[in-house]
Amino acid sequence: MPWGNVTVTGQDGRDIFLDGNYESACGRAPGPFVVTYGIHTFETLDTSLHVECCGNAKVNKTNPAVTIVLVPVKPQGSV
C-alpha cells in the first residue's frame, strides 16, 4: 500500500484528529502525518470536543507530500 506525508500548518502544537477518529489524536501539528494514498480529513477539536478547524488532503503518486492549512468551522446555528 503506497504512503505519503501531510503537514498541517497554522495549528502548531495542537492535537490533530484524522478521518473522523476522535478516540485519540494521530499526533500534533505540524506533523508530518504518514497516510495512505487517498483523501484524508484533518481536524482540531475545541475544549467541548467539537470540531474547531478542518481541512482535506489528497495524497497520491503525483503528490506524495502535501501541506494543508486547516480552516475554522462555523459553530452549528451560526450565520
Protein backbone atom coordinates (compact mmCIF):
# COMPACT_ATOMS: atom_id res chain seq x y z
CA MET A 1 0.00 0.00 0.00
CA PRO A 2 1.54 3.38 -1.01
CA TRP A 3 2.12 6.02 1.65
CA GLY A 4 2.55 9.78 1.67
CA ASN A 5 3.06 12.66 4.11
CA VAL A 6 0.77 15.53 5.12
CA THR A 7 2.00 18.59 7.01
CA VAL A 8 -0.63 20.72 8.80
CA THR A 9 0.32 24.39 9.13
CA GLY A 10 -1.26 27.11 11.24
CA GLN A 11 -2.12 24.81 14.14
CA ASP A 12 1.32 24.24 15.67
CA GLY A 13 1.23 22.21 18.87
CA ARG A 14 -2.46 21.30 18.52
CA ASP A 15 -3.72 17.71 18.60
CA ILE A 16 -4.79 16.57 15.15
CA PHE A 17 -7.56 14.05 14.54
CA LEU A 18 -7.64 12.06 11.32
CA ASP A 19 -10.63 10.90 9.26
CA GLY A 20 -13.25 11.32 11.99
CA ASN A 21 -11.44 9.22 14.59
CA TYR A 22 -11.89 11.27 17.77
CA GLU A 23 -10.82 8.49 20.15
CA SER A 24 -7.22 9.66 20.10
CA ALA A 25 -5.19 12.23 18.25
CA CYS A 26 -2.95 10.97 15.46
CA GLY A 27 -0.28 13.45 16.56
CA ARG A 28 0.46 17.13 16.97
CA ALA A 29 0.68 19.73 14.24
CA PRO A 30 2.60 20.39 12.13
CA GLY A 31 3.36 16.67 11.74
CA PRO A 32 4.22 15.31 9.22
CA PHE A 33 1.46 12.71 9.29
CA VAL A 34 2.00 9.48 7.36
CA VAL A 35 -1.14 8.40 5.48
CA THR A 36 -2.11 6.03 2.70
CA TYR A 37 -2.77 7.45 -0.75
CA GLY A 38 -6.25 8.98 -0.98
CA ILE A 39 -8.25 11.84 0.51
CA HIS A 40 -7.94 12.39 4.26
CA THR A 41 -9.64 14.80 6.67
CA PHE A 42 -7.60 16.52 9.38
CA GLU A 43 -9.33 18.28 12.30
CA THR A 44 -8.74 20.03 15.61
CA LEU A 45 -11.25 19.96 18.47
CA ASP A 46 -12.20 22.70 20.92
CA THR A 47 -12.44 22.19 24.68
CA SER A 48 -16.04 20.90 24.25
CA LEU A 49 -14.73 18.27 21.79
CA HIS A 50 -16.45 19.89 18.81
CA VAL A 51 -14.62 20.24 15.50
CA GLU A 52 -12.95 23.65 15.51
CA CYS A 53 -10.85 23.60 12.33
CA CYS A 54 -10.64 21.17 9.43
CA GLY A 55 -9.04 20.53 6.08
CA ASN A 56 -8.66 17.81 3.48
CA ALA A 57 -5.53 16.48 1.84
CA LYS A 58 -5.29 14.39 -1.30
CA VAL A 59 -2.13 12.29 -1.33
CA ASN A 60 -1.20 10.27 -4.42
CA LYS A 61 1.67 9.27 -6.69
CA THR A 62 1.80 12.77 -8.21
CA ASN A 63 1.58 14.49 -4.80
CA PRO A 64 3.11 12.20 -2.16
CA ALA A 65 3.90 15.11 0.19
CA VAL A 66 1.19 17.71 0.82
CA THR A 67 0.94 20.76 3.09
CA ILE A 68 -2.50 21.99 4.16
CA VAL A 69 -3.91 24.81 6.29
CA LEU A 70 -6.91 23.99 8.46
CA VAL A 71 -9.79 26.47 8.29
CA PRO A 72 -12.21 27.34 11.12
CA VAL A 73 -15.57 25.58 11.12
CA LYS A 74 -18.64 27.66 11.86
CA PRO A 75 -20.47 26.50 15.01
CA GLN A 76 -23.90 24.98 14.45
CA GLY A 77 -26.64 27.60 14.39
CA SER A 78 -24.29 30.46 13.46
CA VAL A 79 -24.85 32.55 10.36
